[in-house]
PDB file of N, CA and C in Angstrom:
ATOM      1  N   MET A   1      -1.171 352.665   9.570  1.00  0.00           N
ATOM      2  CA  MET A   1      -0.188 351.686   9.171  1.00  0.00           C
ATOM      3  C   MET A   1      -0.919 350.531   8.471  1.00  0.00           C
ATOM      4  N   GLU A   2      -0.323 350.006   7.449  1.00  0.00           N
ATOM      5  CA  GLU A   2      -0.910 348.916   6.677  1.00  0.00           C
ATOM      6  C   GLU A   2      -0.765 347.578   7.410  1.00  0.00           C
ATOM      7  N   ASP A   3      -1.667 346.645   7.087  1.00  0.00           N
ATOM      8  CA  ASP A   3      -1.647 345.324   7.719  1.00  0.00           C
ATOM      9  C   ASP A   3      -0.318 344.604   7.498  1.00  0.00           C
ATOM     10  N   ALA A   4       0.234 344.711   6.304  1.00  0.00           N
ATOM     11  CA  ALA A   4       1.506 344.046   6.005  1.00  0.00           C
ATOM     12  C   ALA A   4       2.627 344.587   6.895  1.00  0.00           C
ATOM     13  N   GLN A   5       2.592 345.874   7.170  1.00  0.00           N
ATOM     14  CA  GLN A   5       3.609 346.474   8.039  1.00  0.00           C
ATOM     15  C   GLN A   5       3.437 346.002   9.484  1.00  0.00           C
ATOM     16  N   ILE A   6       2.184 345.908   9.931  1.00  0.00           N
ATOM     17  CA  ILE A   6       1.924 345.436  11.288  1.00  0.00           C
ATOM     18  C   ILE A   6       2.345 343.975  11.425  1.00  0.00           C
ATOM     19  N   THR A   7       2.016 343.172  10.425  1.00  0.00           N
ATOM     20  CA  THR A   7       2.418 341.767  10.439  1.00  0.00           C
ATOM     21  C   THR A   7       3.941 341.644  10.458  1.00  0.00           C
ATOM     22  N   ALA A   8       4.625 342.501   9.715  1.00  0.00           N
ATOM     23  CA  ALA A   8       6.087 342.489   9.717  1.00  0.00           C
ATOM     24  C   ALA A   8       6.635 342.830  11.103  1.00  0.00           C
ATOM     25  N   LEU A   9       5.961 343.718  11.817  1.00  0.00           N
ATOM     26  CA  LEU A   9       6.380 344.041  13.184  1.00  0.00           C
ATOM     27  C   LEU A   9       6.225 342.832  14.101  1.00  0.00           C
ATOM     28  N   TYR A  10       5.120 342.089  13.936  1.00  0.00           N
ATOM     29  CA  TYR A  10       4.957 340.860  14.720  1.00  0.00           C
ATOM     30  C   TYR A  10       6.082 339.876  14.409  1.00  0.00           C
ATOM     31  N   TRP A  11       6.402 339.731  13.126  1.00  0.00           N
ATOM     32  CA  TRP A  11       7.466 338.804  12.727  1.00  0.00           C
ATOM     33  C   TRP A  11       8.818 339.239  13.284  1.00  0.00           C
ATOM     34  N   ALA A  12       9.033 340.540  13.380  1.00  0.00           N
ATOM     35  CA  ALA A  12      10.288 341.062  13.919  1.00  0.00           C
ATOM     36  C   ALA A  12      10.287 341.079  15.447  1.00  0.00           C
ATOM     37  N   ARG A  13       9.166 340.653  16.056  1.00  0.00           N
ATOM     38  CA  ARG A  13       9.003 340.641  17.516  1.00  0.00           C
ATOM     39  C   ARG A  13       9.133 342.036  18.098  1.00  0.00           C
ATOM     40  N   ASP A  14       8.617 343.020  17.367  1.00  0.00           N
ATOM     41  CA  ASP A  14       8.606 344.406  17.808  1.00  0.00           C
ATOM     42  C   ASP A  14       7.295 344.660  18.546  1.00  0.00           C
ATOM     43  N   GLU A  15       7.381 345.100  19.792  1.00  0.00           N
ATOM     44  CA  GLU A  15       6.194 345.281  20.624  1.00  0.00           C
ATOM     45  C   GLU A  15       5.274 346.391  20.135  1.00  0.00           C
ATOM     46  N   THR A  16       5.748 347.239  19.243  1.00  0.00           N
ATOM     47  CA  THR A  16       4.855 348.272  18.698  1.00  0.00           C
ATOM     48  C   THR A  16       3.770 347.651  17.833  1.00  0.00           C
ATOM     49  N   ALA A  17       3.927 346.395  17.448  1.00  0.00           N
ATOM     50  CA  ALA A  17       2.889 345.706  16.672  1.00  0.00           C
ATOM     51  C   ALA A  17       1.581 345.660  17.459  1.00  0.00           C
ATOM     52  N   ILE A  18       1.680 345.450  18.745  1.00  0.00           N
ATOM     53  CA  ILE A  18       0.475 345.389  19.581  1.00  0.00           C
ATOM     54  C   ILE A  18      -0.185 346.763  19.649  1.00  0.00           C
ATOM     55  N   ALA A  19       0.608 347.801  19.835  1.00  0.00           N
ATOM     56  CA  ALA A  19       0.058 349.154  19.893  1.00  0.00           C
ATOM     57  C   ALA A  19      -0.591 349.539  18.559  1.00  0.00           C
ATOM     58  N   GLU A  20       0.044 349.188  17.452  1.00  0.00           N
ATOM     59  CA  GLU A  20      -0.514 349.490  16.130  1.00  0.00           C
ATOM     60  C   GLU A  20      -1.788 348.685  15.876  1.00  0.00           C
ATOM     61  N   SER A  21      -1.799 347.433  16.312  1.00  0.00           N
ATOM     62  CA  SER A  21      -3.002 346.607  16.171  1.00  0.00           C
ATOM     63  C   SER A  21      -4.147 347.204  16.965  1.00  0.00           C
ATOM     64  N   HIS A  22      -3.843 347.649  18.167  1.00  0.00           N
ATOM     65  CA  HIS A  22      -4.872 348.248  19.018  1.00  0.00           C
ATOM     66  C   HIS A  22      -5.399 349.551  18.405  1.00  0.00           C
ATOM     67  N   ALA A  23      -4.493 350.356  17.881  1.00  0.00           N
ATOM     68  CA  ALA A  23      -4.915 351.621  17.277  1.00  0.00           C
ATOM     69  C   ALA A  23      -5.829 351.385  16.072  1.00  0.00           C
ATOM     70  N   LYS A  24      -5.535 350.363  15.296  1.00  0.00           N
ATOM     71  CA  LYS A  24      -6.305 350.124  14.078  1.00  0.00           C
ATOM     72  C   LYS A  24      -7.549 349.269  14.301  1.00  0.00           C
ATOM     73  N   TYR A  25      -7.453 348.258  15.171  1.00  0.00           N
ATOM     74  CA  TYR A  25      -8.534 347.283  15.304  1.00  0.00           C
ATOM     75  C   TYR A  25      -9.119 347.172  16.704  1.00  0.00           C
ATOM     76  N   GLY A  26      -8.687 348.000  17.633  1.00  0.00           N
ATOM     77  CA  GLY A  26      -9.164 347.907  19.006  1.00  0.00           C
ATOM     78  C   GLY A  26     -10.677 348.023  19.138  1.00  0.00           C
ATOM     79  N   ARG A  27     -11.273 348.991  18.462  1.00  0.00           N
ATOM     80  CA  ARG A  27     -12.731 349.170  18.542  1.00  0.00           C
ATOM     81  C   ARG A  27     -13.473 347.981  17.957  1.00  0.00           C
ATOM     82  N   MET A  28     -12.981 347.455  16.848  1.00  0.00           N
ATOM     83  CA  MET A  28     -13.632 346.312  16.215  1.00  0.00           C
ATOM     84  C   MET A  28     -13.584 345.097  17.134  1.00  0.00           C
ATOM     85  N   LEU A  29     -12.421 344.843  17.725  1.00  0.00           N
ATOM     86  CA  LEU A  29     -12.261 343.684  18.604  1.00  0.00           C
ATOM     87  C   LEU A  29     -13.120 343.827  19.855  1.00  0.00           C
ATOM     88  N   TYR A  30     -13.165 345.034  20.408  1.00  0.00           N
ATOM     89  CA  TYR A  30     -14.006 345.271  21.578  1.00  0.00           C
ATOM     90  C   TYR A  30     -15.475 345.040  21.221  1.00  0.00           C
ATOM     91  N   GLY A  31     -15.886 345.485  20.045  1.00  0.00           N
ATOM     92  CA  GLY A  31     -17.263 345.295  19.610  1.00  0.00           C
ATOM     93  C   GLY A  31     -17.626 343.825  19.473  1.00  0.00           C
ATOM     94  N   ILE A  32     -16.719 343.039  18.918  1.00  0.00           N
ATOM     95  CA  ILE A  32     -16.950 341.598  18.785  1.00  0.00           C
ATOM     96  C   ILE A  32     -17.123 340.977  20.169  1.00  0.00           C
ATOM     97  N   ALA A  33     -16.193 341.300  21.058  1.00  0.00           N
ATOM     98  CA  ALA A  33     -16.234 340.720  22.402  1.00  0.00           C
ATOM     99  C   ALA A  33     -17.474 341.169  23.165  1.00  0.00           C
ATOM    100  N   TYR A  34     -17.808 342.451  23.076  1.00  0.00           N
ATOM    101  CA  TYR A  34     -18.953 342.957  23.828  1.00  0.00           C
ATOM    102  C   TYR A  34     -20.267 342.385  23.309  1.00  0.00           C
ATOM    103  N   HIS A  35     -20.355 342.175  22.019  1.00  0.00           N
ATOM    104  CA  HIS A  35     -21.566 341.601  21.432  1.00  0.00           C
ATOM    105  C   HIS A  35     -21.828 340.198  21.988  1.00  0.00           C
ATOM    106  N   ILE A  36     -20.778 339.461  22.264  1.00  0.00           N
ATOM    107  CA  ILE A  36     -20.923 338.098  22.786  1.00  0.00           C
ATOM    108  C   ILE A  36     -21.057 338.098  24.302  1.00  0.00           C
ATOM    109  N   LEU A  37     -20.264 338.914  24.988  1.00  0.00           N
ATOM    110  CA  LEU A  37     -20.169 338.839  26.452  1.00  0.00           C
ATOM    111  C   LEU A  37     -21.077 339.814  27.199  1.00  0.00           C
ATOM    112  N   SER A  38     -21.406 340.934  26.607  1.00  0.00           N
ATOM    113  CA  SER A  38     -22.234 341.974  27.247  1.00  0.00           C
ATOM    114  C   SER A  38     -21.653 342.443  28.578  1.00  0.00           C
ATOM    115  N   SER A  39     -20.349 342.500  28.654  1.00  0.00           N
ATOM    116  CA  SER A  39     -19.668 342.964  29.862  1.00  0.00           C
ATOM    117  C   SER A  39     -18.434 343.762  29.447  1.00  0.00           C
ATOM    118  N   HIS A  40     -18.332 344.988  29.953  1.00  0.00           N
ATOM    119  CA  HIS A  40     -17.200 345.836  29.601  1.00  0.00           C
ATOM    120  C   HIS A  40     -15.878 345.232  30.076  1.00  0.00           C
ATOM    121  N   GLU A  41     -15.850 344.778  31.316  1.00  0.00           N
ATOM    122  CA  GLU A  41     -14.611 344.246  31.876  1.00  0.00           C
ATOM    123  C   GLU A  41     -14.149 342.990  31.139  1.00  0.00           C
ATOM    124  N   ASP A  42     -15.077 342.075  30.899  1.00  0.00           N
ATOM    125  CA  ASP A  42     -14.728 340.847  30.191  1.00  0.00           C
ATOM    126  C   ASP A  42     -14.298 341.140  28.758  1.00  0.00           C
ATOM    127  N   SER A  43     -14.925 342.119  28.134  1.00  0.00           N
ATOM    128  CA  SER A  43     -14.566 342.478  26.761  1.00  0.00           C
ATOM    129  C   SER A  43     -13.158 343.061  26.700  1.00  0.00           C
ATOM    130  N   GLU A  44     -12.825 343.917  27.656  1.00  0.00           N
ATOM    131  CA  GLU A  44     -11.474 344.487  27.694  1.00  0.00           C
ATOM    132  C   GLU A  44     -10.427 343.401  27.911  1.00  0.00           C
ATOM    133  N   GLU A  45     -10.704 342.456  28.794  1.00  0.00           N
ATOM    134  CA  GLU A  45      -9.775 341.355  29.033  1.00  0.00           C
ATOM    135  C   GLU A  45      -9.624 340.476  27.792  1.00  0.00           C
ATOM    136  N   THR A  46     -10.720 340.272  27.087  1.00  0.00           N
ATOM    137  CA  THR A  46     -10.678 339.463  25.878  1.00  0.00           C
ATOM    138  C   THR A  46      -9.843 340.141  24.799  1.00  0.00           C
ATOM    139  N   VAL A  47      -9.976 341.450  24.650  1.00  0.00           N
ATOM    140  CA  VAL A  47      -9.172 342.176  23.669  1.00  0.00           C
ATOM    141  C   VAL A  47      -7.696 342.069  24.030  1.00  0.00           C
ATOM    142  N   SER A  48      -7.376 342.217  25.284  1.00  0.00           N
ATOM    143  CA  SER A  48      -5.992 342.072  25.726  1.00  0.00           C
ATOM    144  C   SER A  48      -5.473 340.656  25.439  1.00  0.00           C
ATOM    145  N   SER A  49      -6.289 339.668  25.707  1.00  0.00           N
ATOM    146  CA  SER A  49      -5.903 338.286  25.435  1.00  0.00           C
ATOM    147  C   SER A  49      -5.748 338.030  23.937  1.00  0.00           C
ATOM    148  N   THR A  50      -6.521 338.747  23.135  1.00  0.00           N
ATOM    149  CA  THR A  50      -6.411 338.618  21.678  1.00  0.00           C
ATOM    150  C   THR A  50      -5.026 339.043  21.215  1.00  0.00           C
ATOM    151  N   TYR A  51      -4.527 340.152  21.743  1.00  0.00           N
ATOM    152  CA  TYR A  51      -3.191 340.612  21.358  1.00  0.00           C
ATOM    153  C   TYR A  51      -2.118 339.634  21.820  1.00  0.00           C
ATOM    154  N   THR A  52      -2.303 339.079  23.002  1.00  0.00           N
ATOM    155  CA  THR A  52      -1.350 338.084  23.502  1.00  0.00           C
ATOM    156  C   THR A  52      -1.331 336.858  22.606  1.00  0.00           C
ATOM    157  N   ARG A  53      -2.516 336.387  22.231  1.00  0.00           N
ATOM    158  CA  ARG A  53      -2.605 335.204  21.362  1.00  0.00           C
ATOM    159  C   ARG A  53      -1.999 335.503  19.990  1.00  0.00           C
ATOM    160  N   ALA A  54      -2.242 336.703  19.466  1.00  0.00           N
ATOM    161  CA  ALA A  54      -1.659 337.075  18.174  1.00  0.00           C
ATOM    162  C   ALA A  54      -0.131 337.094  18.273  1.00  0.00           C
ATOM    163  N   TRP A  55       0.385 337.623  19.376  1.00  0.00           N
ATOM    164  CA  TRP A  55       1.832 337.679  19.590  1.00  0.00           C
ATOM    165  C   TRP A  55       2.430 336.269  19.605  1.00  0.00           C
ATOM    166  N   GLN A  56       1.704 335.329  20.183  1.00  0.00           N
ATOM    167  CA  GLN A  56       2.191 333.957  20.292  1.00  0.00           C
ATOM    168  C   GLN A  56       2.073 333.182  18.985  1.00  0.00           C
ATOM    169  N   THR A  57       1.126 333.524  18.138  1.00  0.00           N
ATOM    170  CA  THR A  57       0.842 332.689  16.966  1.00  0.00           C
ATOM    171  C   THR A  57       1.279 333.270  15.628  1.00  0.00           C
ATOM    172  N   ILE A  58       1.524 334.554  15.542  1.00  0.00           N
ATOM    173  CA  ILE A  58       1.828 335.112  14.228  1.00  0.00           C
ATOM    174  C   ILE A  58       3.195 334.685  13.680  1.00  0.00           C
ATOM    175  N   PRO A  59       4.245 334.560  14.432  1.00  0.00           N
ATOM    176  CA  PRO A  59       5.470 334.103  13.759  1.00  0.00           C
ATOM    177  C   PRO A  59       5.324 332.813  12.957  1.00  0.00           C
ATOM    178  N   PRO A  60       4.664 331.778  13.426  1.00  0.00           N
ATOM    179  CA  PRO A  60       4.500 330.663  12.486  1.00  0.00           C
ATOM    180  C   PRO A  60       3.401 330.931  11.456  1.00  0.00           C
ATOM    181  N   GLN A  61       2.399 331.721  11.801  1.00  0.00           N
ATOM    182  CA  GLN A  61       1.307 332.054  10.886  1.00  0.00           C
ATOM    183  C   GLN A  61       1.613 333.370  10.194  1.00  0.00           C
ATOM    184  N   ARG A  62       1.175 333.508   8.960  1.00  0.00           N
ATOM    185  CA  ARG A  62       1.257 334.795   8.261  1.00  0.00           C
ATOM    186  C   ARG A  62      -0.135 335.072   7.703  1.00  0.00           C
ATOM    187  N   PRO A  63      -0.977 335.766   8.498  1.00  0.00           N
ATOM    188  CA  PRO A  63      -2.367 335.973   8.079  1.00  0.00           C
ATOM    189  C   PRO A  63      -2.461 336.852   6.839  1.00  0.00           C
ATOM    190  N   PHE A  64      -3.353 336.459   5.937  1.00  0.00           N
ATOM    191  CA  PHE A  64      -3.613 337.254   4.735  1.00  0.00           C
ATOM    192  C   PHE A  64      -4.341 338.535   5.110  1.00  0.00           C
ATOM    193  N   SER A  65      -5.322 338.408   6.001  1.00  0.00           N
ATOM    194  CA  SER A  65      -6.088 339.555   6.483  1.00  0.00           C
ATOM    195  C   SER A  65      -5.912 339.642   7.999  1.00  0.00           C
ATOM    196  N   LEU A  66      -5.204 340.657   8.455  1.00  0.00           N
ATOM    197  CA  LEU A  66      -4.970 340.816   9.888  1.00  0.00           C
ATOM    198  C   LEU A  66      -6.275 341.071  10.634  1.00  0.00           C
ATOM    199  N   ALA A  67      -7.181 341.824  10.031  1.00  0.00           N
ATOM    200  CA  ALA A  67      -8.472 342.104  10.676  1.00  0.00           C
ATOM    201  C   ALA A  67      -9.247 340.814  10.905  1.00  0.00           C
ATOM    202  N   ALA A  68      -9.317 339.967   9.898  1.00  0.00           N
ATOM    203  CA  ALA A  68     -10.036 338.702  10.029  1.00  0.00           C
ATOM    204  C   ALA A  68      -9.351 337.789  11.039  1.00  0.00           C
ATOM    205  N   TYR A  69      -8.034 337.777  11.030  1.00  0.00           N
ATOM    206  CA  TYR A  69      -7.271 336.928  11.947  1.00  0.00           C
ATOM    207  C   TYR A  69      -7.510 337.349  13.399  1.00  0.00           C
ATOM    208  N   LEU A  70      -7.378 338.639  13.666  1.00  0.00           N
ATOM    209  CA  LEU A  70      -7.602 339.132  15.029  1.00  0.00           C
ATOM    210  C   LEU A  70      -9.061 338.983  15.434  1.00  0.00           C
ATOM    211  N   GLY A  71      -9.968 339.223  14.499  1.00  0.00           N
ATOM    212  CA  GLY A  71     -11.393 339.060  14.785  1.00  0.00           C
ATOM    213  C   GLY A  71     -11.751 337.631  15.139  1.00  0.00           C
ATOM    214  N   ARG A  72     -11.155 336.677  14.438  1.00  0.00           N
ATOM    215  CA  ARG A  72     -11.421 335.268  14.738  1.00  0.00           C
ATOM    216  C   ARG A  72     -10.904 334.903  16.120  1.00  0.00           C
ATOM    217  N   ILE A  73      -9.724 335.395  16.453  1.00  0.00           N
ATOM    218  CA  ILE A  73      -9.170 335.134  17.788  1.00  0.00           C
ATOM    219  C   ILE A  73     -10.093 335.719  18.856  1.00  0.00           C
ATOM    220  N   ALA A  74     -10.507 336.968  18.669  1.00  0.00           N
ATOM    221  CA  ALA A  74     -11.383 337.627  19.651  1.00  0.00           C
ATOM    222  C   ALA A  74     -12.709 336.880  19.790  1.00  0.00           C
ATOM    223  N   ARG A  75     -13.274 336.466  18.675  1.00  0.00           N
ATOM    224  CA  ARG A  75     -14.543 335.726  18.719  1.00  0.00           C
ATOM    225  C   ARG A  75     -14.387 334.411  19.468  1.00  0.00           C
ATOM    226  N   ASN A  76     -13.340 333.662  19.160  1.00  0.00           N
ATOM    227  CA  ASN A  76     -13.132 332.375  19.820  1.00  0.00           C
ATOM    228  C   ASN A  76     -12.871 332.537  21.316  1.00  0.00           C
ATOM    229  N   LEU A  77     -12.077 333.531  21.680  1.00  0.00           N
ATOM    230  CA  LEU A  77     -11.827 333.766  23.109  1.00  0.00           C
ATOM    231  C   LEU A  77     -13.104 334.211  23.824  1.00  0.00           C
ATOM    232  N   SER A  78     -13.902 335.030  23.158  1.00  0.00           N
ATOM    233  CA  SER A  78     -15.163 335.495  23.752  1.00  0.00           C
ATOM    234  C   SER A  78     -16.129 334.344  23.969  1.00  0.00           C
ATOM    235  N   ILE A  79     -16.238 333.470  22.994  1.00  0.00           N
ATOM    236  CA  ILE A  79     -17.125 332.325  23.145  1.00  0.00           C
ATOM    237  C   ILE A  79     -16.643 331.412  24.257  1.00  0.00           C
ATOM    238  N   SER A  80     -15.348 331.193  24.342  1.00  0.00           N
ATOM    239  CA  SER A  80     -14.805 330.367  25.420  1.00  0.00           C
ATOM    240  C   SER A  80     -15.084 330.985  26.778  1.00  0.00           C
ATOM    241  N   ARG A  81     -14.921 332.290  26.898  1.00  0.00           N
ATOM    242  CA  ARG A  81     -15.197 332.980  28.167  1.00  0.00           C
ATOM    243  C   ARG A  81     -16.685 332.926  28.481  1.00  0.00           C
ATOM    244  N   TRP A  82     -17.545 333.060  27.490  1.00  0.00           N
ATOM    245  CA  TRP A  82     -18.987 333.015  27.697  1.00  0.00           C
ATOM    246  C   TRP A  82     -19.428 331.649  28.222  1.00  0.00           C
ATOM    247  N   ARG A  83     -18.832 330.580  27.701  1.00  0.00           N
ATOM    248  CA  ARG A  83     -19.194 329.239  28.144  1.00  0.00           C
ATOM    249  C   ARG A  83     -18.777 329.040  29.582  1.00  0.00           C
TER     250      ARG A  83
END
């Protein structure tokens, strides 16, 4: 599924947006989190929190690049958890 379609699902408040995001970017987000945290459990929780944060913020935001948007969220959450 294309990023524009996934973003449209977020805007429509369709929960399949999270499943599609996970299918397309789950490995990338886990890699970002694991690189910072070095913990499987914390990385999985961070990825889950990333989807929650995206769900809360995308209706007012319309990201140009969904990968970059989700990656930034995952990185920021990982750094916060690391601190």
